[in-house]
Amino acid sequence: MSATTHGCGARWHQAGNRTSHCAGCHRTFSSTSTFDAHRRDMQCADPATLLDKRGAAKFKTFTDSEGCTIWRSAAEMPAGVFGGAA
């Protein structure tokens, strides 16, 4: 995996075409489906406020080896370089 830097200064390890960085809110997501889930009515929703059907947090964060906060599905287990602090 290679490190990627966006114009906003965020730097993260790019996991192929799975990792997504939002040019609107400048959050980084572990998958395109997680990225898509934070978009509501053409606007960015704060992933910390999104809940699943049971009312539990839908997303959690972890820190990758570049120090970037990555939003992931609460059910997803990070591996490899994504194994930073939750």
PDB file of N, CA and C in Angstrom:
ATOM      1  N   MET A   1       0.836  -1.171   0.000  1.00  0.00           N
ATOM      2  CA  MET A   1       0.000   0.000   0.000  1.00  0.00           C
ATOM      3  C   MET A   1       0.887   1.242   0.000  1.00  0.00           C
ATOM      4  N   SER A   2       0.416   2.266  -0.644  1.00  0.00           N
ATOM      5  CA  SER A   2       1.216   3.474  -0.735  1.00  0.00           C
ATOM      6  C   SER A   2       0.560   4.615   0.036  1.00  0.00           C
ATOM      7  N   ALA A   3       1.399   5.527   0.521  1.00  0.00           N
ATOM      8  CA  ALA A   3       0.883   6.694   1.226  1.00  0.00           C
ATOM      9  C   ALA A   3       0.356   7.692   0.208  1.00  0.00           C
ATOM     10  N   THR A   4      -0.751   8.317   0.536  1.00  0.00           N
ATOM     11  CA  THR A   4      -1.396   9.300  -0.323  1.00  0.00           C
ATOM     12  C   THR A   4      -1.589  10.575   0.485  1.00  0.00           C
ATOM     13  N   THR A   5      -1.414  11.717  -0.167  1.00  0.00           N
ATOM     14  CA  THR A   5      -1.627  13.000   0.492  1.00  0.00           C
ATOM     15  C   THR A   5      -2.640  13.800  -0.316  1.00  0.00           C
ATOM     16  N   HIS A   6      -3.599  14.376   0.368  1.00  0.00           N
ATOM     17  CA  HIS A   6      -4.604  15.234  -0.275  1.00  0.00           C
ATOM     18  C   HIS A   6      -4.187  16.692  -0.073  1.00  0.00           C
ATOM     19  N   GLY A   7      -4.721  17.576  -0.879  1.00  0.00           N
ATOM     20  CA  GLY A   7      -4.419  19.001  -0.775  1.00  0.00           C
ATOM     21  C   GLY A   7      -4.734  19.608   0.576  1.00  0.00           C
ATOM     22  N   CYS A   8      -5.616  18.965   1.355  1.00  0.00           N
ATOM     23  CA  CYS A   8      -5.968  19.473   2.678  1.00  0.00           C
ATOM     24  C   CYS A   8      -4.886  19.153   3.714  1.00  0.00           C
ATOM     25  N   GLY A   9      -3.914  18.330   3.312  1.00  0.00           N
ATOM     26  CA  GLY A   9      -2.837  17.952   4.215  1.00  0.00           C
ATOM     27  C   GLY A   9      -2.990  16.571   4.819  1.00  0.00           C
ATOM     28  N   ALA A  10      -4.149  15.951   4.667  1.00  0.00           N
ATOM     29  CA  ALA A  10      -4.343  14.596   5.193  1.00  0.00           C
ATOM     30  C   ALA A  10      -3.447  13.625   4.425  1.00  0.00           C
ATOM     31  N   ARG A  11      -2.849  12.685   5.135  1.00  0.00           N
ATOM     32  CA  ARG A  11      -1.983  11.673   4.538  1.00  0.00           C
ATOM     33  C   ARG A  11      -2.412  10.331   5.100  1.00  0.00           C
ATOM     34  N   TRP A  12      -2.616   9.349   4.243  1.00  0.00           N
ATOM     35  CA  TRP A  12      -3.077   8.036   4.662  1.00  0.00           C
ATOM     36  C   TRP A  12      -2.504   6.978   3.743  1.00  0.00           C
ATOM     37  N   HIS A  13      -2.588   5.733   4.189  1.00  0.00           N
ATOM     38  CA  HIS A  13      -2.182   4.602   3.353  1.00  0.00           C
ATOM     39  C   HIS A  13      -3.353   4.222   2.472  1.00  0.00           C
ATOM     40  N   GLN A  14      -3.155   4.293   1.191  1.00  0.00           N
ATOM     41  CA  GLN A  14      -4.190   3.952   0.216  1.00  0.00           C
ATOM     42  C   GLN A  14      -4.252   2.438   0.074  1.00  0.00           C
ATOM     43  N   ALA A  15      -5.415   1.864   0.305  1.00  0.00           N
ATOM     44  CA  ALA A  15      -5.619   0.416   0.189  1.00  0.00           C
ATOM     45  C   ALA A  15      -6.277   0.129  -1.155  1.00  0.00           C
ATOM     46  N   GLY A  16      -5.488   0.194  -2.217  1.00  0.00           N
ATOM     47  CA  GLY A  16      -6.028  -0.028  -3.560  1.00  0.00           C
ATOM     48  C   GLY A  16      -7.105   0.991  -3.860  1.00  0.00           C
ATOM     49  N   ASN A  17      -8.209   0.533  -4.411  1.00  0.00           N
ATOM     50  CA  ASN A  17      -9.309   1.456  -4.704  1.00  0.00           C
ATOM     51  C   ASN A  17     -10.360   1.436  -3.596  1.00  0.00           C
ATOM     52  N   ARG A  18     -10.025   0.865  -2.439  1.00  0.00           N
ATOM     53  CA  ARG A  18     -11.004   0.768  -1.349  1.00  0.00           C
ATOM     54  C   ARG A  18     -11.044   2.028  -0.489  1.00  0.00           C
ATOM     55  N   THR A  19      -9.909   2.602  -0.167  1.00  0.00           N
ATOM     56  CA  THR A  19      -9.877   3.771   0.699  1.00  0.00           C
ATOM     57  C   THR A  19     -10.409   4.981  -0.049  1.00  0.00           C
ATOM     58  N   SER A  20     -11.231   5.781   0.623  1.00  0.00           N
ATOM     59  CA  SER A  20     -11.834   6.958  -0.011  1.00  0.00           C
ATOM     60  C   SER A  20     -11.634   8.175   0.883  1.00  0.00           C
ATOM     61  N   HIS A  21     -11.221   9.269   0.283  1.00  0.00           N
ATOM     62  CA  HIS A  21     -11.077  10.537   1.004  1.00  0.00           C
ATOM     63  C   HIS A  21     -12.096  11.507   0.434  1.00  0.00           C
ATOM     64  N   CYS A  22     -12.879  12.116   1.295  1.00  0.00           N
ATOM     65  CA  CYS A  22     -13.935  13.030   0.851  1.00  0.00           C
ATOM     66  C   CYS A  22     -13.352  14.425   0.651  1.00  0.00           C
ATOM     67  N   ALA A  23     -13.473  14.935  -0.553  1.00  0.00           N
ATOM     68  CA  ALA A  23     -12.990  16.282  -0.855  1.00  0.00           C
ATOM     69  C   ALA A  23     -13.891  17.348  -0.241  1.00  0.00           C
ATOM     70  N   GLY A  24     -15.085  16.962   0.213  1.00  0.00           N
ATOM     71  CA  GLY A  24     -16.009  17.915   0.830  1.00  0.00           C
ATOM     72  C   GLY A  24     -15.718  18.149   2.297  1.00  0.00           C
ATOM     73  N   CYS A  25     -15.654  17.067   3.085  1.00  0.00           N
ATOM     74  CA  CYS A  25     -15.457  17.196   4.533  1.00  0.00           C
ATOM     75  C   CYS A  25     -14.050  16.794   4.972  1.00  0.00           C
ATOM     76  N   HIS A  26     -13.272  16.258   4.058  1.00  0.00           N
ATOM     77  CA  HIS A  26     -11.875  15.865   4.287  1.00  0.00           C
ATOM     78  C   HIS A  26     -11.717  14.758   5.321  1.00  0.00           C
ATOM     79  N   ARG A  27     -12.727  13.894   5.404  1.00  0.00           N
ATOM     80  CA  ARG A  27     -12.595  12.677   6.207  1.00  0.00           C
ATOM     81  C   ARG A  27     -12.158  11.558   5.281  1.00  0.00           C
ATOM     82  N   THR A  28     -11.463  10.575   5.838  1.00  0.00           N
ATOM     83  CA  THR A  28     -10.996   9.436   5.057  1.00  0.00           C
ATOM     84  C   THR A  28     -11.747   8.202   5.522  1.00  0.00           C
ATOM     85  N   PHE A  29     -12.162   7.364   4.575  1.00  0.00           N
ATOM     86  CA  PHE A  29     -12.986   6.190   4.850  1.00  0.00           C
ATOM     87  C   PHE A  29     -12.283   4.927   4.366  1.00  0.00           C
ATOM     88  N   SER A  30     -12.516   3.823   5.058  1.00  0.00           N
ATOM     89  CA  SER A  30     -11.836   2.567   4.754  1.00  0.00           C
ATOM     90  C   SER A  30     -12.394   1.856   3.537  1.00  0.00           C
ATOM     91  N   SER A  31     -13.549   2.288   3.048  1.00  0.00           N
ATOM     92  CA  SER A  31     -14.144   1.641   1.876  1.00  0.00           C
ATOM     93  C   SER A  31     -15.047   2.622   1.144  1.00  0.00           C
ATOM     94  N   THR A  32     -15.341   2.301  -0.089  1.00  0.00           N
ATOM     95  CA  THR A  32     -16.246   3.162  -0.849  1.00  0.00           C
ATOM     96  C   THR A  32     -17.662   3.093  -0.277  1.00  0.00           C
ATOM     97  N   SER A  33     -18.067   1.947   0.261  1.00  0.00           N
ATOM     98  CA  SER A  33     -19.420   1.849   0.832  1.00  0.00           C
ATOM     99  C   SER A  33     -19.537   2.692   2.101  1.00  0.00           C
ATOM    100  N   THR A  34     -18.484   2.769   2.910  1.00  0.00           N
ATOM    101  CA  THR A  34     -18.492   3.615   4.092  1.00  0.00           C
ATOM    102  C   THR A  34     -18.535   5.083   3.673  1.00  0.00           C
ATOM    103  N   PHE A  35     -17.750   5.431   2.650  1.00  0.00           N
ATOM    104  CA  PHE A  35     -17.783   6.789   2.103  1.00  0.00           C
ATOM    105  C   PHE A  35     -19.194   7.134   1.624  1.00  0.00           C
ATOM    106  N   ASP A  36     -19.783   6.232   0.824  1.00  0.00           N
ATOM    107  CA  ASP A  36     -21.126   6.477   0.292  1.00  0.00           C
ATOM    108  C   ASP A  36     -22.154   6.668   1.408  1.00  0.00           C
ATOM    109  N   ALA A  37     -22.012   5.921   2.498  1.00  0.00           N
ATOM    110  CA  ALA A  37     -22.980   5.987   3.598  1.00  0.00           C
ATOM    111  C   ALA A  37     -22.947   7.336   4.319  1.00  0.00           C
ATOM    112  N   HIS A  38     -21.843   8.064   4.234  1.00  0.00           N
ATOM    113  CA  HIS A  38     -21.775   9.354   4.933  1.00  0.00           C
ATOM    114  C   HIS A  38     -22.362  10.496   4.092  1.00  0.00           C
ATOM    115  N   ARG A  39     -22.698  10.210   2.841  1.00  0.00           N
ATOM    116  CA  ARG A  39     -23.282  11.231   1.969  1.00  0.00           C
ATOM    117  C   ARG A  39     -24.805  11.139   2.019  1.00  0.00           C
ATOM    118  N   ARG A  40     -25.450  12.233   2.365  1.00  0.00           N
ATOM    119  CA  ARG A  40     -26.905  12.294   2.445  1.00  0.00           C
ATOM    120  C   ARG A  40     -27.381  13.539   1.708  1.00  0.00           C
ATOM    121  N   ASP A  41     -28.253  13.360   0.741  1.00  0.00           N
ATOM    122  CA  ASP A  41     -28.815  14.494   0.001  1.00  0.00           C
ATOM    123  C   ASP A  41     -27.732  15.434  -0.516  1.00  0.00           C
ATOM    124  N   MET A  42     -26.704  14.849  -1.118  1.00  0.00           N
ATOM    125  CA  MET A  42     -25.605  15.604  -1.724  1.00  0.00           C
ATOM    126  C   MET A  42     -24.775  16.393  -0.698  1.00  0.00           C
ATOM    127  N   GLN A  43     -24.846  15.989   0.577  1.00  0.00           N
ATOM    128  CA  GLN A  43     -24.059  16.641   1.616  1.00  0.00           C
ATOM    129  C   GLN A  43     -23.400  15.586   2.485  1.00  0.00           C
ATOM    130  N   CYS A  44     -22.353  16.005   3.188  1.00  0.00           N
ATOM    131  CA  CYS A  44     -21.637  15.096   4.081  1.00  0.00           C
ATOM    132  C   CYS A  44     -22.334  15.042   5.440  1.00  0.00           C
ATOM    133  N   ALA A  45     -22.583  13.837   5.914  1.00  0.00           N
ATOM    134  CA  ALA A  45     -23.105  13.634   7.267  1.00  0.00           C
ATOM    135  C   ALA A  45     -21.927  13.280   8.165  1.00  0.00           C
ATOM    136  N   ASP A  46     -21.944  13.767   9.387  1.00  0.00           N
ATOM    137  CA  ASP A  46     -20.886  13.435  10.339  1.00  0.00           C
ATOM    138  C   ASP A  46     -21.006  11.948  10.669  1.00  0.00           C
ATOM    139  N   PRO A  47     -19.994  11.135  10.332  1.00  0.00           N
ATOM    140  CA  PRO A  47     -20.102   9.690  10.582  1.00  0.00           C
ATOM    141  C   PRO A  47     -20.284   9.351  12.051  1.00  0.00           C
ATOM    142  N   ALA A  48     -19.843  10.227  12.944  1.00  0.00           N
ATOM    143  CA  ALA A  48     -19.997   9.967  14.385  1.00  0.00           C
ATOM    144  C   ALA A  48     -21.454   9.995  14.814  1.00  0.00           C
ATOM    145  N   THR A  49     -22.319  10.606  14.015  1.00  0.00           N
ATOM    146  CA  THR A  49     -23.731  10.729  14.387  1.00  0.00           C
ATOM    147  C   THR A  49     -24.614   9.672  13.727  1.00  0.00           C
ATOM    148  N   LEU A  50     -24.050   8.861  12.839  1.00  0.00           N
ATOM    149  CA  LEU A  50     -24.849   7.875  12.109  1.00  0.00           C
ATOM    150  C   LEU A  50     -24.981   6.596  12.928  1.00  0.00           C
ATOM    151  N   LEU A  51     -26.214   6.136  13.075  1.00  0.00           N
ATOM    152  CA  LEU A  51     -26.495   4.947  13.880  1.00  0.00           C
ATOM    153  C   LEU A  51     -27.043   3.827  13.007  1.00  0.00           C
ATOM    154  N   ASP A  52     -26.825   2.583  13.452  1.00  0.00           N
ATOM    155  CA  ASP A  52     -27.408   1.454  12.737  1.00  0.00           C
ATOM    156  C   ASP A  52     -28.846   1.243  13.193  1.00  0.00           C
ATOM    157  N   LYS A  53     -29.486   0.189  12.712  1.00  0.00           N
ATOM    158  CA  LYS A  53     -30.901  -0.058  13.021  1.00  0.00           C
ATOM    159  C   LYS A  53     -31.152  -0.308  14.502  1.00  0.00           C
ATOM    160  N   ARG A  54     -30.125  -0.736  15.237  1.00  0.00           N
ATOM    161  CA  ARG A  54     -30.266  -0.984  16.672  1.00  0.00           C
ATOM    162  C   ARG A  54     -29.970   0.251  17.511  1.00  0.00           C
ATOM    163  N   GLY A  55     -29.549   1.334  16.864  1.00  0.00           N
ATOM    164  CA  GLY A  55     -29.209   2.558  17.580  1.00  0.00           C
ATOM    165  C   GLY A  55     -27.761   2.620  18.029  1.00  0.00           C
ATOM    166  N   ALA A  56     -26.960   1.659  17.587  1.00  0.00           N
ATOM    167  CA  ALA A  56     -25.535   1.649  17.922  1.00  0.00           C
ATOM    168  C   ALA A  56     -24.759   2.456  16.874  1.00  0.00           C
ATOM    169  N   ALA A  57     -23.576   2.885  17.235  1.00  0.00           N
ATOM    170  CA  ALA A  57     -22.733   3.633  16.296  1.00  0.00           C
ATOM    171  C   ALA A  57     -22.490   2.793  15.045  1.00  0.00           C
ATOM    172  N   LYS A  58     -22.724   3.393  13.899  1.00  0.00           N
ATOM    173  CA  LYS A  58     -22.547   2.702  12.626  1.00  0.00           C
ATOM    174  C   LYS A  58     -21.074   2.692  12.205  1.00  0.00           C
ATOM    175  N   PHE A  59     -20.337   3.728  12.609  1.00  0.00           N
ATOM    176  CA  PHE A  59     -18.931   3.849  12.229  1.00  0.00           C
ATOM    177  C   PHE A  59     -18.051   4.064  13.444  1.00  0.00           C
ATOM    178  N   LYS A  60     -16.817   3.626  13.332  1.00  0.00           N
ATOM    179  CA  LYS A  60     -15.792   3.857  14.345  1.00  0.00           C
ATOM    180  C   LYS A  60     -14.554   4.360  13.627  1.00  0.00           C
ATOM    181  N   THR A  61     -13.625   4.890  14.378  1.00  0.00           N
ATOM    182  CA  THR A  61     -12.383   5.367  13.777  1.00  0.00           C
ATOM    183  C   THR A  61     -11.215   4.514  14.238  1.00  0.00           C
ATOM    184  N   PHE A  62     -10.154   4.564  13.473  1.00  0.00           N
ATOM    185  CA  PHE A  62      -8.864   4.042  13.876  1.00  0.00           C
ATOM    186  C   PHE A  62      -7.815   4.936  13.247  1.00  0.00           C
ATOM    187  N   THR A  63      -6.604   4.829  13.696  1.00  0.00           N
ATOM    188  CA  THR A  63      -5.520   5.650  13.181  1.00  0.00           C
ATOM    189  C   THR A  63      -4.570   4.763  12.409  1.00  0.00           C
ATOM    190  N   ASP A  64      -4.294   5.124  11.154  1.00  0.00           N
ATOM    191  CA  ASP A  64      -3.372   4.308  10.362  1.00  0.00           C
ATOM    192  C   ASP A  64      -1.933   4.701  10.681  1.00  0.00           C
ATOM    193  N   SER A  65      -0.987   4.034  10.042  1.00  0.00           N
ATOM    194  CA  SER A  65       0.427   4.254  10.342  1.00  0.00           C
ATOM    195  C   SER A  65       0.924   5.627   9.906  1.00  0.00           C
ATOM    196  N   GLU A  66       0.140   6.356   9.118  1.00  0.00           N
ATOM    197  CA  GLU A  66       0.488   7.730   8.742  1.00  0.00           C
ATOM    198  C   GLU A  66      -0.092   8.731   9.731  1.00  0.00           C
ATOM    199  N   GLY A  67      -0.842   8.238  10.722  1.00  0.00           N
ATOM    200  CA  GLY A  67      -1.450   9.115  11.711  1.00  0.00           C
ATOM    201  C   GLY A  67      -2.794   9.680  11.282  1.00  0.00           C
ATOM    202  N   CYS A  68      -3.333   9.170  10.181  1.00  0.00           N
ATOM    203  CA  CYS A  68      -4.613   9.646   9.673  1.00  0.00           C
ATOM    204  C   CYS A  68      -5.761   8.920  10.369  1.00  0.00           C
ATOM    205  N   THR A  69      -6.791   9.659  10.745  1.00  0.00           N
ATOM    206  CA  THR A  69      -7.997   9.059  11.296  1.00  0.00           C
ATOM    207  C   THR A  69      -8.826   8.508  10.147  1.00  0.00           C
ATOM    208  N   ILE A  70      -9.114   7.223  10.197  1.00  0.00           N
ATOM    209  CA  ILE A  70      -9.873   6.545   9.156  1.00  0.00           C
ATOM    210  C   ILE A  70     -11.207   6.111   9.749  1.00  0.00           C
ATOM    211  N   TRP A  71     -12.298   6.459   9.069  1.00  0.00           N
ATOM    212  CA  TRP A  71     -13.625   6.001   9.469  1.00  0.00           C
ATOM    213  C   TRP A  71     -13.883   4.648   8.838  1.00  0.00           C
ATOM    214  N   ARG A  72     -14.403   3.718   9.635  1.00  0.00           N
ATOM    215  CA  ARG A  72     -14.711   2.379   9.130  1.00  0.00           C
ATOM    216  C   ARG A  72     -16.038   1.922   9.710  1.00  0.00           C
ATOM    217  N   SER A  73     -16.603   0.909   9.092  1.00  0.00           N
ATOM    218  CA  SER A  73     -17.814   0.298   9.625  1.00  0.00           C
ATOM    219  C   SER A  73     -17.502  -0.250  11.012  1.00  0.00           C
ATOM    220  N   ALA A  74     -18.424  -0.114  11.939  1.00  0.00           N
ATOM    221  CA  ALA A  74     -18.205  -0.624  13.296  1.00  0.00           C
ATOM    222  C   ALA A  74     -17.973  -2.130  13.291  1.00  0.00           C
ATOM    223  N   ALA A  75     -18.468  -2.827  12.262  1.00  0.00           N
ATOM    224  CA  ALA A  75     -18.302  -4.283  12.173  1.00  0.00           C
ATOM    225  C   ALA A  75     -16.980  -4.678  11.519  1.00  0.00           C
ATOM    226  N   GLU A  76     -16.300  -3.740  10.887  1.00  0.00           N
ATOM    227  CA  GLU A  76     -15.060  -4.020  10.162  1.00  0.00           C
ATOM    228  C   GLU A  76     -13.879  -4.094  11.116  1.00  0.00           C
ATOM    229  N   MET A  77     -13.022  -5.074  10.923  1.00  0.00           N
ATOM    230  CA  MET A  77     -11.823  -5.208  11.735  1.00  0.00           C
ATOM    231  C   MET A  77     -10.617  -4.797  10.893  1.00  0.00           C
ATOM    232  N   PRO A  78      -9.904  -3.737  11.280  1.00  0.00           N
ATOM    233  CA  PRO A  78      -8.740  -3.321  10.509  1.00  0.00           C
ATOM    234  C   PRO A  78      -7.626  -4.343  10.586  1.00  0.00           C
ATOM    235  N   ALA A  79      -6.844  -4.437   9.527  1.00  0.00           N
ATOM    236  CA  ALA A  79      -5.732  -5.390   9.477  1.00  0.00           C
ATOM    237  C   ALA A  79      -4.536  -4.712   8.826  1.00  0.00           C
ATOM    238  N   GLY A  80      -3.351  -5.298   8.978  1.00  0.00           N
ATOM    239  CA  GLY A  80      -2.161  -4.757   8.338  1.00  0.00           C
ATOM    240  C   GLY A  80      -1.849  -3.364   8.849  1.00  0.00           C
ATOM    241  N   VAL A  81      -1.599  -2.451   7.914  1.00  0.00           N
ATOM    242  CA  VAL A  81      -1.253  -1.069   8.311  1.00  0.00           C
ATOM    243  C   VAL A  81      -2.445  -0.370   8.942  1.00  0.00           C
ATOM    244  N   PHE A  82      -3.625  -0.934   8.843  1.00  0.00           N
ATOM    245  CA  PHE A  82      -4.808  -0.315   9.421  1.00  0.00           C
ATOM    246  C   PHE A  82      -5.002  -0.757  10.878  1.00  0.00           C
ATOM    247  N   GLY A  83      -4.041  -1.408  11.459  1.00  0.00           N
ATOM    248  CA  GLY A  83      -4.180  -1.937  12.808  1.00  0.00           C
ATOM    249  C   GLY A  83      -3.828  -0.955  13.902  1.00  0.00           C
ATOM    250  N   GLY A  84      -3.990   0.338  13.665  1.00  0.00           N
ATOM    251  CA  GLY A  84      -3.666   1.361  14.668  1.00  0.00           C
ATOM    252  C   GLY A  84      -4.686   1.389  15.784  1.00  0.00           C
ATOM    253  N   ALA A  85      -4.580   2.387  16.613  1.00  0.00           N
ATOM    254  CA  ALA A  85      -5.475   2.527  17.760  1.00  0.00           C
ATOM    255  C   ALA A  85      -6.900   2.778  17.319  1.00  0.00           C
ATOM    256  N   ALA A  86      -7.831   2.177  18.025  1.00  0.00           N
ATOM    257  CA  ALA A  86      -9.255   2.359  17.696  1.00  0.00           C
ATOM    258  C   ALA A  86      -9.777   3.633  18.270  1.00  0.00           C
TER     259      ALA A  86
END
